[in-house]
């Protein structure tokens, strides 16, 4: 049997320290029929120099020197993807050697599923294991849409149909699941497929930006009839509470409590 072609998309920005390890983890997959598309988003460090050292026919590297954001770059990759499936990854993460094999085998044997995500092992900047983020395998229950974004793999036709909204960058993945869940089928695998880099260092500026984007997303989803007014009000209250608590803790020098 001919194995289906898979497209792995990695948008990168200032990943000089980690990108080589990320790329090697893709090139060394036990599943071999893939193309790897990496698009630089205007990095100001040595990311581009590192990537230009790789010489593998499966790797396509593009760089235009501009900073457009992750949603824009993902849509670029989706547009030129040749694979039957599109697989996400970030430039500082590390795939398990059998990640592609496991996720593609699942999608091939469950044709009704559009996107599959998984649990992930959390690592820090020195590749030390911090913990594990586990998801209960949820069948086709689309109420569970808390994917770890870099773990998802799905039908390229799904991503080309819905795409990412650039105006909601920062929550572009959550927005995608909200907009598509009534027309698509998702699943979470309990077993990890990825080392997900999250050193658990709280950054107030980044946190507040994402809360701002989440508010924008809630207004969009309410207007589009994707959430109920009760859920809108409940989540807006939670956002206000989170902003207040995080700002207070930052003022008191207690960021680590977040």
Protein backbone atom coordinates (compact mmCIF):
# COMPACT_ATOMS: atom_id res chain seq x y z
CA UNK A 1 0.00 0.00 0.00
CA UNK A 2 1.15 3.52 -0.81
CA UNK A 3 1.25 5.62 2.34
CA UNK A 4 -0.49 9.01 2.04
CA UNK A 5 1.66 12.10 1.76
CA UNK A 6 1.65 14.25 4.90
CA UNK A 7 2.52 17.95 5.10
CA UNK A 8 4.15 19.19 8.31
CA UNK A 9 3.89 22.94 8.77
CA UNK A 10 6.24 24.80 11.10
CA UNK A 11 6.01 28.62 11.26
CA UNK A 12 9.09 29.98 13.03
CA UNK A 13 10.06 33.23 14.74
CA UNK A 14 13.33 33.63 16.65
CA UNK A 15 13.80 29.90 17.27
CA UNK A 16 17.58 29.81 16.74
CA UNK A 17 18.20 27.92 19.97
CA UNK A 18 15.69 25.12 19.34
CA UNK A 19 14.87 24.86 15.64
CA UNK A 20 17.63 22.37 14.70
CA UNK A 21 16.38 19.83 17.25
CA UNK A 22 12.79 20.36 16.10
CA UNK A 23 13.68 19.76 12.45
CA UNK A 24 15.76 16.67 13.24
CA UNK A 25 12.83 15.18 15.15
CA UNK A 26 10.73 15.50 11.99
CA UNK A 27 13.36 14.18 9.57
CA UNK A 28 13.90 11.13 11.80
CA UNK A 29 10.24 10.06 11.89
CA UNK A 30 9.42 6.38 11.42
CA UNK A 31 6.81 7.54 8.89
CA UNK A 32 8.71 8.68 5.80
CA UNK A 33 6.21 9.92 3.22
CA UNK A 34 6.02 13.59 4.20
CA UNK A 35 6.95 17.10 3.14
CA UNK A 36 8.14 19.63 5.71
CA UNK A 37 7.29 23.28 5.08
CA UNK A 38 9.00 25.85 7.29
CA UNK A 39 8.20 29.55 6.89
CA UNK A 40 10.16 32.16 8.79
CA UNK A 41 8.11 35.06 10.14
CA UNK A 42 10.77 37.77 10.10
CA UNK A 43 13.17 36.35 12.70
CA UNK A 44 15.81 38.76 14.01
CA UNK A 45 18.14 36.10 15.43
CA UNK A 46 20.02 33.30 13.64
CA UNK A 47 17.01 31.10 12.90
CA UNK A 48 17.30 31.53 9.13
CA UNK A 49 21.02 30.70 9.15
CA UNK A 50 20.39 27.48 11.07
CA UNK A 51 17.64 26.39 8.70
CA UNK A 52 19.73 27.04 5.60
CA UNK A 53 22.21 24.44 6.82
CA UNK A 54 19.70 21.63 6.28
CA UNK A 55 19.85 19.84 2.95
CA UNK A 56 16.95 17.44 2.66
CA UNK A 57 14.65 17.15 -0.37
CA UNK A 58 11.62 16.77 1.93
CA UNK A 59 12.21 20.22 3.47
CA UNK A 60 10.94 23.45 1.88
CA UNK A 61 12.10 26.65 3.58
CA UNK A 62 10.61 30.06 2.78
CA UNK A 63 11.54 33.46 4.16
CA UNK A 64 10.37 36.91 3.01
CA UNK A 65 11.80 38.91 5.93
CA UNK A 66 8.37 40.11 7.08
CA UNK A 67 6.55 39.60 10.38
CA UNK A 68 2.95 38.62 9.64
CA UNK A 69 2.00 36.41 12.58
CA UNK A 70 1.42 32.69 13.06
CA UNK A 71 -2.10 32.58 11.59
CA UNK A 72 -0.92 34.20 8.35
CA UNK A 73 2.03 31.79 8.04
CA UNK A 74 -0.11 28.74 8.80
CA UNK A 75 -2.53 29.73 6.06
CA UNK A 76 0.43 30.09 3.68
CA UNK A 77 1.53 26.56 4.51
CA UNK A 78 -1.98 25.17 4.18
CA UNK A 79 -2.38 26.81 0.77
CA UNK A 80 0.73 25.15 -0.70
CA UNK A 81 0.40 21.86 1.18
CA UNK A 82 0.41 18.81 -1.09
CA UNK A 83 -0.34 16.24 1.60
CA UNK A 84 -3.60 14.47 2.31
CA UNK A 85 -3.04 15.43 5.96
CA UNK A 86 -1.66 18.61 7.53
CA UNK A 87 0.35 18.27 10.74
CA UNK A 88 1.13 21.17 13.09
CA UNK A 89 4.29 21.79 15.06
CA UNK A 90 6.13 24.74 16.60
CA UNK A 91 9.78 25.54 16.05
CA UNK A 92 10.78 24.82 19.65
CA UNK A 93 9.01 21.48 20.14
CA UNK A 94 10.22 17.90 19.57
CA UNK A 95 8.20 15.13 17.93
CA UNK A 96 8.19 11.63 19.33
CA UNK A 97 9.80 9.40 16.64
CA UNK A 98 6.48 7.65 15.92
CA UNK A 99 4.21 10.70 16.10
CA UNK A 100 3.32 10.77 12.40
CA UNK A 101 2.89 7.01 12.23
CA UNK A 102 0.43 6.95 15.11
CA UNK A 103 -1.66 9.93 14.07
CA UNK A 104 -1.81 9.01 10.38
CA UNK A 105 -2.68 5.41 11.18
CA UNK A 106 -5.52 6.69 13.36
CA UNK A 107 -6.86 9.06 10.71
CA UNK A 108 -6.60 6.42 7.99
CA UNK A 109 -8.57 3.91 10.07
CA UNK A 110 -11.15 6.49 11.24
CA UNK A 111 -12.16 8.27 8.05
CA UNK A 112 -14.91 10.19 9.84
CA UNK A 113 -12.41 12.05 12.05
CA UNK A 114 -11.12 15.38 10.70
CA UNK A 115 -8.54 16.37 13.34
CA UNK A 116 -6.66 14.38 15.96
CA UNK A 117 -4.68 15.92 18.82
CA UNK A 118 -2.90 14.34 21.76
CA UNK A 119 -1.45 14.70 25.22
CA UNK A 120 2.08 16.10 25.46
CA UNK A 121 5.14 15.91 27.69
CA UNK A 122 6.08 19.40 28.92
CA UNK A 123 9.75 20.38 28.76
CA UNK A 124 11.77 23.45 29.72
CA UNK A 125 14.47 25.37 27.90
CA UNK A 126 17.14 22.83 28.87
CA UNK A 127 15.01 19.94 27.57
CA UNK A 128 14.25 18.92 31.14
CA UNK A 129 10.91 17.21 31.67
CA UNK A 130 8.57 19.37 33.74
CA UNK A 131 5.45 17.25 33.60
CA UNK A 132 2.75 15.93 31.31
CA UNK A 133 -0.46 17.47 30.03
CA UNK A 134 -2.95 14.63 29.71
CA UNK A 135 -6.23 14.51 27.85
CA UNK A 136 -8.81 11.80 28.26
CA UNK A 137 -9.48 10.11 24.93
CA UNK A 138 -12.82 11.63 24.03
CA UNK A 139 -14.21 9.72 21.07
CA UNK A 140 -15.97 12.23 18.84
CA UNK A 141 -17.16 14.58 21.57
CA UNK A 142 -16.61 18.04 20.07
CA UNK A 143 -17.32 19.75 23.39
CA UNK A 144 -13.66 18.99 24.16
CA UNK A 145 -11.71 21.39 21.98
CA UNK A 146 -8.76 22.17 24.24
CA UNK A 147 -6.15 20.87 21.84
CA UNK A 148 -2.48 21.54 22.45
CA UNK A 149 -2.13 23.26 19.10
CA UNK A 150 1.24 21.79 17.99
CA UNK A 151 -0.08 18.24 18.54
CA UNK A 152 -2.87 18.43 15.98
CA UNK A 153 -2.91 16.57 12.69
CA UNK A 154 -5.89 16.52 10.36
CA UNK A 155 -7.26 16.43 6.87
CA UNK A 156 -5.77 19.14 4.68
CA UNK A 157 -9.21 19.68 3.18
CA UNK A 158 -10.45 20.62 6.67
CA UNK A 159 -7.73 23.26 7.15
CA UNK A 160 -8.22 24.64 3.64
CA UNK A 161 -11.95 24.97 4.22
CA UNK A 162 -11.83 26.80 7.56
CA UNK A 163 -8.32 28.33 7.72
CA UNK A 164 -7.12 30.59 10.54
CA UNK A 165 -8.29 34.16 11.16
CA UNK A 166 -5.33 36.49 11.41
CA UNK A 167 -7.27 39.09 13.40
CA UNK A 168 -7.54 36.53 16.21
CA UNK A 169 -3.86 35.60 16.41
CA UNK A 170 -2.97 34.36 19.84
CA UNK A 171 -6.20 32.37 19.98
CA UNK A 172 -6.23 31.39 16.30
CA UNK A 173 -6.50 27.71 17.14
CA UNK A 174 -9.35 28.11 19.64
CA UNK A 175 -11.21 30.21 17.08
CA UNK A 176 -10.74 27.53 14.43
CA UNK A 177 -12.22 24.82 16.66
CA UNK A 178 -15.19 27.02 17.60
CA UNK A 179 -16.00 27.83 13.97
CA UNK A 180 -15.66 24.28 12.70
CA UNK A 181 -16.89 21.99 15.46
CA UNK A 182 -20.49 21.77 14.19
CA UNK A 183 -19.22 20.56 10.80
CA UNK A 184 -16.21 18.46 11.81
CA UNK A 185 -15.18 15.62 14.08
CA UNK A 186 -12.28 15.90 16.56
CA UNK A 187 -10.53 13.45 18.82
CA UNK A 188 -7.88 13.58 21.54
CA UNK A 189 -5.40 10.74 21.99
CA UNK A 190 -4.45 10.11 25.58
CA UNK A 191 -0.88 9.05 24.77
CA UNK A 192 1.61 11.90 24.10
CA UNK A 193 3.09 12.44 20.64
CA UNK A 194 5.18 15.53 21.34
CA UNK A 195 7.58 17.23 23.73
CA UNK A 196 5.90 20.63 24.17
CA UNK A 197 8.23 23.40 25.30
CA UNK A 198 6.65 25.47 28.06
CA UNK A 199 9.16 26.59 30.72
CA UNK A 200 6.27 27.94 32.83
CA UNK A 201 7.71 31.45 33.04
CA UNK A 202 4.80 33.86 33.38
CA UNK A 203 4.90 36.85 31.00
CA UNK A 204 2.25 39.41 31.92
CA UNK A 205 2.37 41.27 28.59
CA UNK A 206 1.77 38.08 26.58
CA UNK A 207 -0.93 36.93 29.00
CA UNK A 208 -2.82 40.23 28.80
CA UNK A 209 -2.62 40.22 25.00
CA UNK A 210 -4.17 36.76 24.84
CA UNK A 211 -6.92 37.78 27.24
CA UNK A 212 -7.61 40.79 25.01
CA UNK A 213 -7.78 38.52 21.95
CA UNK A 214 -10.03 36.12 23.82
CA UNK A 215 -12.46 38.96 24.52
CA UNK A 216 -12.42 39.80 20.81
CA UNK A 217 -13.02 36.15 20.01
CA UNK A 218 -15.97 35.93 22.40
CA UNK A 219 -17.64 38.90 20.72
CA UNK A 220 -17.10 37.25 17.30
CA UNK A 221 -18.44 33.88 18.44
CA UNK A 222 -21.49 35.45 20.08
CA UNK A 223 -22.27 37.47 16.95
CA UNK A 224 -21.84 34.37 14.79
CA UNK A 225 -24.08 32.28 17.02
CA UNK A 226 -21.28 29.93 18.07
CA UNK A 227 -21.73 30.43 21.81
CA UNK A 228 -24.70 31.17 24.08
CA UNK A 229 -25.05 34.53 25.80
CA UNK A 230 -24.72 32.83 29.19
CA UNK A 231 -21.36 31.32 28.19
CA UNK A 232 -20.28 34.68 26.75
CA UNK A 233 -21.03 36.50 30.03
CA UNK A 234 -19.48 33.75 32.15
CA UNK A 235 -16.24 33.77 30.17
CA UNK A 236 -16.07 37.56 30.06
CA UNK A 237 -16.33 37.60 33.87
CA UNK A 238 -13.54 35.02 34.09
CA UNK A 239 -11.32 37.16 31.84
CA UNK A 240 -11.86 40.27 33.96
CA UNK A 241 -11.06 38.23 37.09
CA UNK A 242 -7.91 36.74 35.54
CA UNK A 243 -6.65 40.14 34.39
CA UNK A 244 -7.21 41.62 37.85
CA UNK A 245 -5.47 38.75 39.68
CA UNK A 246 -2.51 38.53 37.27
CA UNK A 247 -1.93 42.30 37.38
CA UNK A 248 -2.07 42.34 41.18
CA UNK A 249 0.35 39.41 41.51
CA UNK A 250 2.74 41.07 39.04
CA UNK A 251 2.64 44.29 41.06
CA UNK A 252 3.45 42.30 44.21
CA UNK A 253 6.31 40.45 42.49
CA UNK A 254 4.48 37.13 42.74
CA UNK A 255 4.35 36.17 39.05
CA UNK A 256 5.33 32.59 39.89
CA UNK A 257 1.94 32.04 41.52
CA UNK A 258 0.27 32.33 38.12
